[in-house]
Amino acid sequence: MSVKSPGNGSVGPGGITGLANPSASVGETAINGSATTAMRSDAAPALAQPLNTAQGADIASATGAGTLNLETATGNIVDVTGTTTLTAITLSQGHWRIVRFTGALTLTHGASLVLPGGANILTVAGDYAIFAGYAAGVVRCMGYFRTVVPPTSGSFTGSLTGCTTVPTQTFLWARNGNVVTLTADAGLSATSNTTAATITGLPAALIPTRGQACVGRVTNNSATAFGVIRVDSDGNITLFPDAVGSAFTASGTKGILSCVITYSMT
């Protein structure tokens, strides 16, 4: 079936054919309501005005039990609120969304949620991301844009566990972007009564998304040694008396000596 045009052309299943003037345009109302956009038989459509999209309502990260549904967003640009960890995003193939995060949450890299660099991302309020839906339920982050976070610092009280008493010590901390430095100026130790040792009290804003370890000076059975200091994703700082992760002696003095601990939040 074809529809004859006023001239010598026709409109059929294959498109517009036989126009006397191939550069003539067929009137088409633009997406934003203006008639200045035209479709031509010899060229791709051109937009003469900006392509404007709507901002949708906020979406809470906690509403999907770890899955963020961007397919039902009411606009192409949305704010995601809350701090619930996200392991998946729902977005149909060929669809895209621009997201602004209003808080600190973890985006988990995986087979269905592909993130830049193949690693998890800990968001900061004001960060932006562009997501695109692919086949088979895969969603890819096409770009992640961090807000500028000024360096911050402070202190917290750390408590040593695994001893006959629970000694405490003030730790200084500084954060520059995703890099955190903890300083124990005076160390922290007491008489051991178990084979484990942890330091509690790390602020939630300084807890990394994965465990990370560094070498530091520790005390085991009243003897000083180079051991491992591991900052865990549950907020504990776990101590080991040597590089292979052995257990402490359940007697004598144990703890951490003055040291500097540096790790990444991601």
C-alpha atoms as a PDB file:
ATOM      1  CA  MET A   1       0.000   0.000   0.000  1.00  0.00           C
ATOM      2  CA  SER A   2       1.255   3.527  -0.755  1.00  0.00           C
ATOM      3  CA  VAL A   3      -0.107   7.033  -0.419  1.00  0.00           C
ATOM      4  CA  LYS A   4       0.395   9.409  -3.309  1.00  0.00           C
ATOM      5  CA  SER A   5       1.840  12.814  -2.562  1.00  0.00           C
ATOM      6  CA  PRO A   6       0.609  15.973  -4.306  1.00  0.00           C
ATOM      7  CA  GLY A   7       3.632  15.723  -6.614  1.00  0.00           C
ATOM      8  CA  ASN A   8       5.011  12.638  -8.250  1.00  0.00           C
ATOM      9  CA  GLY A   9       6.187  10.858  -5.092  1.00  0.00           C
ATOM     10  CA  SER A  10       4.582   8.267  -2.871  1.00  0.00           C
ATOM     11  CA  VAL A  11       4.748   7.103   0.759  1.00  0.00           C
ATOM     12  CA  GLY A  12       4.981   3.330   1.146  1.00  0.00           C
ATOM     13  CA  PRO A  13       6.529   0.628   3.333  1.00  0.00           C
ATOM     14  CA  GLY A  14       9.978   1.562   2.093  1.00  0.00           C
ATOM     15  CA  GLY A  15       9.613   5.241   2.969  1.00  0.00           C
ATOM     16  CA  ILE A  16       9.220   8.327   0.799  1.00  0.00           C
ATOM     17  CA  THR A  17      10.132   7.746  -2.858  1.00  0.00           C
ATOM     18  CA  GLY A  18       9.993   9.570  -6.125  1.00  0.00           C
ATOM     19  CA  LEU A  19       9.893  13.158  -4.861  1.00  0.00           C
ATOM     20  CA  ALA A  20      10.457  15.650  -7.631  1.00  0.00           C
ATOM     21  CA  ASN A  21      12.624  17.638  -5.248  1.00  0.00           C
ATOM     22  CA  PRO A  22      14.589  15.188  -3.058  1.00  0.00           C
ATOM     23  CA  SER A  23      15.716  17.999  -0.761  1.00  0.00           C
ATOM     24  CA  ALA A  24      12.179  19.102  -0.026  1.00  0.00           C
ATOM     25  CA  SER A  25      11.052  18.509   3.552  1.00  0.00           C
ATOM     26  CA  VAL A  26       7.992  16.799   4.911  1.00  0.00           C
ATOM     27  CA  GLY A  27       6.492  18.831   7.766  1.00  0.00           C
ATOM     28  CA  GLU A  28       7.007  17.216  11.186  1.00  0.00           C
ATOM     29  CA  THR A  29       6.193  18.701  14.581  1.00  0.00           C
ATOM     30  CA  ALA A  30       9.281  18.746  16.766  1.00  0.00           C
ATOM     31  CA  ILE A  31       9.496  16.844  20.041  1.00  0.00           C
ATOM     32  CA  ASN A  32       9.305  20.062  22.019  1.00  0.00           C
ATOM     33  CA  GLY A  33       6.260  21.316  20.107  1.00  0.00           C
ATOM     34  CA  SER A  34       7.891  23.528  17.489  1.00  0.00           C
ATOM     35  CA  ALA A  35       7.441  22.932  13.762  1.00  0.00           C
ATOM     36  CA  THR A  36      11.023  23.946  12.985  1.00  0.00           C
ATOM     37  CA  THR A  37      12.204  20.319  12.782  1.00  0.00           C
ATOM     38  CA  ALA A  38      11.745  18.655   9.415  1.00  0.00           C
ATOM     39  CA  MET A  39      12.361  15.169   8.010  1.00  0.00           C
ATOM     40  CA  ARG A  40      13.937  15.010   4.599  1.00  0.00           C
ATOM     41  CA  SER A  41      14.094  12.171   2.137  1.00  0.00           C
ATOM     42  CA  ASP A  42      17.835  12.577   1.634  1.00  0.00           C
ATOM     43  CA  ALA A  43      19.097  13.223   5.166  1.00  0.00           C
ATOM     44  CA  ALA A  44      18.689  12.123   8.760  1.00  0.00           C
ATOM     45  CA  PRO A  45      16.254  14.091  10.928  1.00  0.00           C
ATOM     46  CA  ALA A  46      17.750  17.173  12.542  1.00  0.00           C
ATOM     47  CA  LEU A  47      16.674  18.883  15.754  1.00  0.00           C
ATOM     48  CA  ALA A  48      16.633  22.643  15.478  1.00  0.00           C
ATOM     49  CA  GLN A  49      15.998  23.096  19.213  1.00  0.00           C
ATOM     50  CA  PRO A  50      17.293  21.433  22.420  1.00  0.00           C
ATOM     51  CA  LEU A  51      15.890  18.034  23.336  1.00  0.00           C
ATOM     52  CA  ASN A  52      14.404  18.653  26.769  1.00  0.00           C
ATOM     53  CA  THR A  53      13.571  15.854  29.191  1.00  0.00           C
ATOM     54  CA  ALA A  54      11.691  15.827  32.470  1.00  0.00           C
ATOM     55  CA  GLN A  55      13.054  15.449  35.990  1.00  0.00           C
ATOM     56  CA  GLY A  56      11.254  12.622  37.738  1.00  0.00           C
ATOM     57  CA  ALA A  57      10.262  12.121  41.341  1.00  0.00           C
ATOM     58  CA  ASP A  58      12.867  10.994  43.858  1.00  0.00           C
ATOM     59  CA  ILE A  59      13.427   7.245  44.247  1.00  0.00           C
ATOM     60  CA  ALA A  60      14.380   5.812  47.655  1.00  0.00           C
ATOM     61  CA  SER A  61      17.221   3.292  47.544  1.00  0.00           C
ATOM     62  CA  ALA A  62      15.468   1.185  50.191  1.00  0.00           C
ATOM     63  CA  THR A  63      12.286   0.525  48.182  1.00  0.00           C
ATOM     64  CA  GLY A  64      13.576  -2.414  46.139  1.00  0.00           C
ATOM     65  CA  ALA A  65      15.479  -4.574  48.658  1.00  0.00           C
ATOM     66  CA  GLY A  66      18.783  -3.919  46.891  1.00  0.00           C
ATOM     67  CA  THR A  67      17.335  -3.402  43.397  1.00  0.00           C
ATOM     68  CA  LEU A  68      16.802   0.119  42.061  1.00  0.00           C
ATOM     69  CA  ASN A  69      13.938   0.317  39.549  1.00  0.00           C
ATOM     70  CA  LEU A  70      14.815   3.076  37.097  1.00  0.00           C
ATOM     71  CA  GLU A  71      12.411   1.759  34.465  1.00  0.00           C
ATOM     72  CA  THR A  72       9.440   3.169  36.387  1.00  0.00           C
ATOM     73  CA  ALA A  73      11.104   6.556  36.938  1.00  0.00           C
ATOM     74  CA  THR A  74       8.834   9.456  36.043  1.00  0.00           C
ATOM     75  CA  GLY A  75      11.635  11.300  34.231  1.00  0.00           C
ATOM     76  CA  ASN A  76      15.031  10.708  32.651  1.00  0.00           C
ATOM     77  CA  ILE A  77      16.714  12.644  35.464  1.00  0.00           C
ATOM     78  CA  VAL A  78      16.065  11.450  39.026  1.00  0.00           C
ATOM     79  CA  ASP A  79      17.490  11.750  42.523  1.00  0.00           C
ATOM     80  CA  VAL A  80      18.160   8.526  44.429  1.00  0.00           C
ATOM     81  CA  THR A  81      17.836   9.013  48.171  1.00  0.00           C
ATOM     82  CA  GLY A  82      18.915   6.915  51.142  1.00  0.00           C
ATOM     83  CA  THR A  83      21.929   4.758  51.961  1.00  0.00           C
ATOM     84  CA  THR A  84      20.763   1.206  51.131  1.00  0.00           C
ATOM     85  CA  THR A  85      23.327  -0.865  49.204  1.00  0.00           C
ATOM     86  CA  LEU A  86      22.294  -1.495  45.582  1.00  0.00           C
ATOM     87  CA  THR A  87      23.198  -4.756  43.854  1.00  0.00           C
ATOM     88  CA  ALA A  88      21.015  -4.446  40.745  1.00  0.00           C
ATOM     89  CA  ILE A  89      19.181  -1.881  38.604  1.00  0.00           C
ATOM     90  CA  THR A  90      16.066  -2.464  36.509  1.00  0.00           C
ATOM     91  CA  LEU A  91      16.215  -0.661  33.156  1.00  0.00           C
ATOM     92  CA  SER A  92      14.996  -1.928  29.779  1.00  0.00           C
ATOM     93  CA  GLN A  93      17.299  -2.357  26.812  1.00  0.00           C
ATOM     94  CA  GLY A  94      17.984   0.953  25.079  1.00  0.00           C
ATOM     95  CA  HIS A  95      16.646   3.079  27.933  1.00  0.00           C
ATOM     96  CA  TRP A  96      18.857   5.456  29.910  1.00  0.00           C
ATOM     97  CA  ARG A  97      18.666   7.516  33.074  1.00  0.00           C
ATOM     98  CA  ILE A  98      20.741  10.233  34.726  1.00  0.00           C
ATOM     99  CA  VAL A  99      20.905   9.728  38.490  1.00  0.00           C
ATOM    100  CA  ARG A 100      22.023  12.054  41.266  1.00  0.00           C
ATOM    101  CA  PHE A 101      22.782  10.414  44.618  1.00  0.00           C
ATOM    102  CA  THR A 102      21.823  12.394  47.709  1.00  0.00           C
ATOM    103  CA  GLY A 103      23.649  10.216  50.240  1.00  0.00           C
ATOM    104  CA  ALA A 104      26.370   7.620  50.791  1.00  0.00           C
ATOM    105  CA  LEU A 105      25.455   4.156  49.507  1.00  0.00           C
ATOM    106  CA  THR A 106      27.324   1.297  47.860  1.00  0.00           C
ATOM    107  CA  LEU A 107      26.826   0.342  44.198  1.00  0.00           C
ATOM    108  CA  THR A 108      27.860  -3.310  43.855  1.00  0.00           C
ATOM    109  CA  HIS A 109      29.607  -4.327  40.641  1.00  0.00           C
ATOM    110  CA  GLY A 110      28.444  -7.619  39.122  1.00  0.00           C
ATOM    111  CA  ALA A 111      27.343  -9.451  35.993  1.00  0.00           C
ATOM    112  CA  SER A 112      24.026  -7.579  35.787  1.00  0.00           C
ATOM    113  CA  LEU A 113      25.228  -4.203  37.104  1.00  0.00           C
ATOM    114  CA  VAL A 114      28.457  -3.328  35.315  1.00  0.00           C
ATOM    115  CA  LEU A 115      30.374  -0.442  36.895  1.00  0.00           C
ATOM    116  CA  PRO A 116      33.427   1.464  35.597  1.00  0.00           C
ATOM    117  CA  GLY A 117      36.678  -0.277  36.490  1.00  0.00           C
ATOM    118  CA  GLY A 118      34.839  -3.426  37.571  1.00  0.00           C
ATOM    119  CA  ALA A 119      34.738  -2.319  41.212  1.00  0.00           C
ATOM    120  CA  ASN A 120      32.131  -1.255  43.744  1.00  0.00           C
ATOM    121  CA  ILE A 121      31.409   2.453  44.100  1.00  0.00           C
ATOM    122  CA  LEU A 122      30.693   4.240  47.361  1.00  0.00           C
ATOM    123  CA  THR A 123      28.588   7.259  46.464  1.00  0.00           C
ATOM    124  CA  VAL A 124      28.929  10.713  47.973  1.00  0.00           C
ATOM    125  CA  ALA A 125      26.038  13.151  48.141  1.00  0.00           C
ATOM    126  CA  GLY A 126      26.026  15.099  44.889  1.00  0.00           C
ATOM    127  CA  ASP A 127      27.595  12.373  42.710  1.00  0.00           C
ATOM    128  CA  TYR A 128      26.023  11.743  39.278  1.00  0.00           C
ATOM    129  CA  ALA A 129      25.838   8.588  37.154  1.00  0.00           C
ATOM    130  CA  ILE A 130      24.452   7.687  33.729  1.00  0.00           C
ATOM    131  CA  PHE A 131      22.936   4.202  33.378  1.00  0.00           C
ATOM    132  CA  ALA A 132      21.915   2.415  30.177  1.00  0.00           C
ATOM    133  CA  GLY A 133      19.861  -0.762  29.800  1.00  0.00           C
ATOM    134  CA  TYR A 134      21.272  -3.604  27.724  1.00  0.00           C
ATOM    135  CA  ALA A 135      19.929  -6.990  26.641  1.00  0.00           C
ATOM    136  CA  ALA A 136      19.376  -9.854  29.093  1.00  0.00           C
ATOM    137  CA  GLY A 137      18.672  -7.530  32.004  1.00  0.00           C
ATOM    138  CA  VAL A 138      22.185  -6.056  32.089  1.00  0.00           C
ATOM    139  CA  VAL A 139      22.572  -2.409  33.098  1.00  0.00           C
ATOM    140  CA  ARG A 140      25.831  -0.567  32.481  1.00  0.00           C
ATOM    141  CA  CYS A 141      27.062   2.607  34.130  1.00  0.00           C
ATOM    142  CA  MET A 142      28.144   4.694  31.145  1.00  0.00           C
ATOM    143  CA  GLY A 143      29.793   7.327  33.308  1.00  0.00           C
ATOM    144  CA  TYR A 144      30.263   8.232  36.957  1.00  0.00           C
ATOM    145  CA  PHE A 145      30.910  11.822  37.960  1.00  0.00           C
ATOM    146  CA  ARG A 146      32.044  12.604  41.479  1.00  0.00           C
ATOM    147  CA  THR A 147      31.331  15.786  43.324  1.00  0.00           C
ATOM    148  CA  VAL A 148      34.328  17.582  44.793  1.00  0.00           C
ATOM    149  CA  VAL A 149      34.623  16.609  48.440  1.00  0.00           C
ATOM    150  CA  PRO A 150      36.904  18.824  50.567  1.00  0.00           C
ATOM    151  CA  PRO A 151      39.253  17.033  52.959  1.00  0.00           C
ATOM    152  CA  THR A 152      37.711  16.379  56.357  1.00  0.00           C
ATOM    153  CA  SER A 153      39.192  15.335  59.677  1.00  0.00           C
ATOM    154  CA  GLY A 154      38.253  14.481  63.224  1.00  0.00           C
ATOM    155  CA  SER A 155      38.792  11.954  65.991  1.00  0.00           C
ATOM    156  CA  PHE A 156      37.104   8.962  67.572  1.00  0.00           C
ATOM    157  CA  THR A 157      37.572   6.776  70.627  1.00  0.00           C
ATOM    158  CA  GLY A 158      38.867   3.293  69.859  1.00  0.00           C
ATOM    159  CA  SER A 159      38.348   0.407  72.298  1.00  0.00           C
ATOM    160  CA  LEU A 160      40.590  -2.680  72.395  1.00  0.00           C
ATOM    161  CA  THR A 161      38.808  -6.024  72.871  1.00  0.00           C
ATOM    162  CA  GLY A 162      40.228  -9.379  73.955  1.00  0.00           C
ATOM    163  CA  CYS A 163      41.836  -8.166  77.170  1.00  0.00           C
ATOM    164  CA  THR A 164      41.105  -8.355  80.883  1.00  0.00           C
ATOM    165  CA  THR A 165      40.054  -4.720  80.648  1.00  0.00           C
ATOM    166  CA  VAL A 166      38.713  -2.572  77.769  1.00  0.00           C
ATOM    167  CA  PRO A 167      41.276   0.192  77.293  1.00  0.00           C
ATOM    168  CA  THR A 168      40.467   3.165  75.053  1.00  0.00           C
ATOM    169  CA  GLN A 169      42.522   5.613  73.042  1.00  0.00           C
ATOM    170  CA  THR A 170      41.816   8.631  70.860  1.00  0.00           C
ATOM    171  CA  PHE A 171      42.449   8.065  67.148  1.00  0.00           C
ATOM    172  CA  LEU A 172      42.834  10.987  64.760  1.00  0.00           C
ATOM    173  CA  TRP A 173      41.428  10.595  61.276  1.00  0.00           C
ATOM    174  CA  ALA A 174      41.572  12.492  57.994  1.00  0.00           C
ATOM    175  CA  ARG A 175      39.664  11.790  54.798  1.00  0.00           C
ATOM    176  CA  ASN A 176      40.534  13.159  51.370  1.00  0.00           C
ATOM    177  CA  GLY A 177      38.047  11.856  48.830  1.00  0.00           C
ATOM    178  CA  ASN A 178      38.054   8.081  49.286  1.00  0.00           C
ATOM    179  CA  VAL A 179      41.427   7.904  51.068  1.00  0.00           C
ATOM    180  CA  VAL A 180      41.341   7.667  54.880  1.00  0.00           C
ATOM    181  CA  THR A 181      44.263   7.996  57.294  1.00  0.00           C
ATOM    182  CA  LEU A 182      44.041   6.932  60.940  1.00  0.00           C
ATOM    183  CA  THR A 183      46.721   7.965  63.418  1.00  0.00           C
ATOM    184  CA  ALA A 184      47.301   6.279  66.770  1.00  0.00           C
ATOM    185  CA  ASP A 185      49.796   8.565  68.496  1.00  0.00           C
ATOM    186  CA  ALA A 186      50.007   6.775  71.837  1.00  0.00           C
ATOM    187  CA  GLY A 187      49.094   3.189  70.935  1.00  0.00           C
ATOM    188  CA  LEU A 188      46.577   0.993  72.715  1.00  0.00           C
ATOM    189  CA  SER A 189      47.322  -2.130  74.798  1.00  0.00           C
ATOM    190  CA  ALA A 190      46.322  -4.160  77.865  1.00  0.00           C
ATOM    191  CA  THR A 191      46.709  -7.636  79.394  1.00  0.00           C
ATOM    192  CA  SER A 192      45.548 -10.336  76.977  1.00  0.00           C
ATOM    193  CA  ASN A 193      43.041 -13.034  77.933  1.00  0.00           C
ATOM    194  CA  THR A 194      42.035 -14.268  74.446  1.00  0.00           C
ATOM    195  CA  THR A 195      43.838 -15.057  71.193  1.00  0.00           C
ATOM    196  CA  ALA A 196      41.994 -12.356  69.193  1.00  0.00           C
ATOM    197  CA  ALA A 197      42.283  -8.577  69.203  1.00  0.00           C
ATOM    198  CA  THR A 198      40.056  -5.957  67.610  1.00  0.00           C
ATOM    199  CA  ILE A 199      39.607  -2.209  67.912  1.00  0.00           C
ATOM    200  CA  THR A 200      36.034  -0.930  67.800  1.00  0.00           C
ATOM    201  CA  GLY A 201      34.606   2.578  67.474  1.00  0.00           C
ATOM    202  CA  LEU A 202      35.399   3.408  63.831  1.00  0.00           C
ATOM    203  CA  PRO A 203      32.788   5.973  62.657  1.00  0.00           C
ATOM    204  CA  ALA A 204      30.307   4.718  60.055  1.00  0.00           C
ATOM    205  CA  ALA A 205      31.466   7.363  57.566  1.00  0.00           C
ATOM    206  CA  LEU A 206      34.969   5.806  57.618  1.00  0.00           C
ATOM    207  CA  ILE A 207      33.986   2.141  57.134  1.00  0.00           C
ATOM    208  CA  PRO A 208      35.298   0.806  53.781  1.00  0.00           C
ATOM    209  CA  THR A 209      33.276  -1.340  51.386  1.00  0.00           C
ATOM    210  CA  ARG A 210      35.906  -4.107  51.572  1.00  0.00           C
ATOM    211  CA  GLY A 211      38.503  -5.238  54.080  1.00  0.00           C
ATOM    212  CA  GLN A 212      41.994  -3.789  53.655  1.00  0.00           C
ATOM    213  CA  ALA A 213      45.216  -4.532  55.505  1.00  0.00           C
ATOM    214  CA  CYS A 214      48.513  -2.849  56.172  1.00  0.00           C
ATOM    215  CA  VAL A 215      51.637  -3.607  58.213  1.00  0.00           C
ATOM    216  CA  GLY A 216      51.984  -2.022  61.632  1.00  0.00           C
ATOM    217  CA  ARG A 217      53.696  -2.433  64.987  1.00  0.00           C
ATOM    218  CA  VAL A 218      51.838  -4.584  67.496  1.00  0.00           C
ATOM    219  CA  THR A 219      52.523  -6.122  70.902  1.00  0.00           C
ATOM    220  CA  ASN A 220      52.065  -9.850  71.496  1.00  0.00           C
ATOM    221  CA  ASN A 221      52.829 -11.458  74.876  1.00  0.00           C
ATOM    222  CA  SER A 222      54.690  -8.271  75.841  1.00  0.00           C
ATOM    223  CA  ALA A 223      56.962  -8.481  72.775  1.00  0.00           C
ATOM    224  CA  THR A 224      56.936  -5.945  69.923  1.00  0.00           C
ATOM    225  CA  ALA A 225      56.540  -7.248  66.378  1.00  0.00           C
ATOM    226  CA  PHE A 226      55.462  -6.192  62.919  1.00  0.00           C
ATOM    227  CA  GLY A 227      51.955  -7.501  62.415  1.00  0.00           C
ATOM    228  CA  VAL A 228      48.920  -6.929  60.233  1.00  0.00           C
ATOM    229  CA  ILE A 229      46.274  -4.269  60.898  1.00  0.00           C
ATOM    230  CA  ARG A 230      43.097  -4.939  58.913  1.00  0.00           C
ATOM    231  CA  VAL A 231      40.257  -2.442  58.547  1.00  0.00           C
ATOM    232  CA  ASP A 232      37.157  -4.568  57.923  1.00  0.00           C
ATOM    233  CA  SER A 233      33.896  -3.741  56.161  1.00  0.00           C
ATOM    234  CA  ASP A 234      31.984  -4.408  59.408  1.00  0.00           C
ATOM    235  CA  GLY A 235      33.722  -1.458  61.072  1.00  0.00           C
ATOM    236  CA  ASN A 236      36.185  -3.451  63.191  1.00  0.00           C
ATOM    237  CA  ILE A 237      39.941  -3.014  63.053  1.00  0.00           C
ATOM    238  CA  THR A 238      41.406  -6.503  63.477  1.00  0.00           C
ATOM    239  CA  LEU A 239      44.977  -7.025  64.678  1.00  0.00           C
ATOM    240  CA  PHE A 240      47.303  -9.951  63.930  1.00  0.00           C
ATOM    241  CA  PRO A 241      50.721 -10.529  65.571  1.00  0.00           C
ATOM    242  CA  ASP A 242      52.503 -11.440  62.309  1.00  0.00           C
ATOM    243  CA  ALA A 243      52.215 -11.226  58.524  1.00  0.00           C
ATOM    244  CA  VAL A 244      50.501 -14.607  58.137  1.00  0.00           C
ATOM    245  CA  GLY A 245      47.558 -13.847  60.409  1.00  0.00           C
ATOM    246  CA  SER A 246      48.441 -15.978  63.419  1.00  0.00           C
ATOM    247  CA  ALA A 247      46.604 -15.748  66.733  1.00  0.00           C
ATOM    248  CA  PHE A 248      47.739 -13.710  69.720  1.00  0.00           C
ATOM    249  CA  THR A 249      48.889 -15.283  72.949  1.00  0.00           C
ATOM    250  CA  ALA A 250      46.190 -15.226  75.624  1.00  0.00           C
ATOM    251  CA  SER A 251      48.557 -13.766  78.191  1.00  0.00           C
ATOM    252  CA  GLY A 252      50.981 -10.890  78.566  1.00  0.00           C
ATOM    253  CA  THR A 253      50.475  -7.492  76.977  1.00  0.00           C
ATOM    254  CA  LYS A 254      48.938  -7.182  73.538  1.00  0.00           C
ATOM    255  CA  GLY A 255      47.752  -4.291  71.424  1.00  0.00           C
ATOM    256  CA  ILE A 256      48.870  -1.739  68.890  1.00  0.00           C
ATOM    257  CA  LEU A 257      51.761   0.684  69.102  1.00  0.00           C
ATOM    258  CA  SER A 258      51.785   4.192  67.659  1.00  0.00           C
ATOM    259  CA  CYS A 259      51.248   3.961  63.911  1.00  0.00           C
ATOM    260  CA  VAL A 260      49.527   5.433  60.865  1.00  0.00           C
ATOM    261  CA  ILE A 261      46.887   3.387  58.993  1.00  0.00           C
ATOM    262  CA  THR A 262      45.934   4.398  55.455  1.00  0.00           C
ATOM    263  CA  TYR A 263      43.208   2.732  53.370  1.00  0.00           C
ATOM    264  CA  SER A 264      40.657   3.355  50.643  1.00  0.00           C
ATOM    265  CA  MET A 265      36.907   3.579  51.189  1.00  0.00           C
ATOM    266  CA  THR A 266      36.270   1.450  48.050  1.00  0.00           C
END
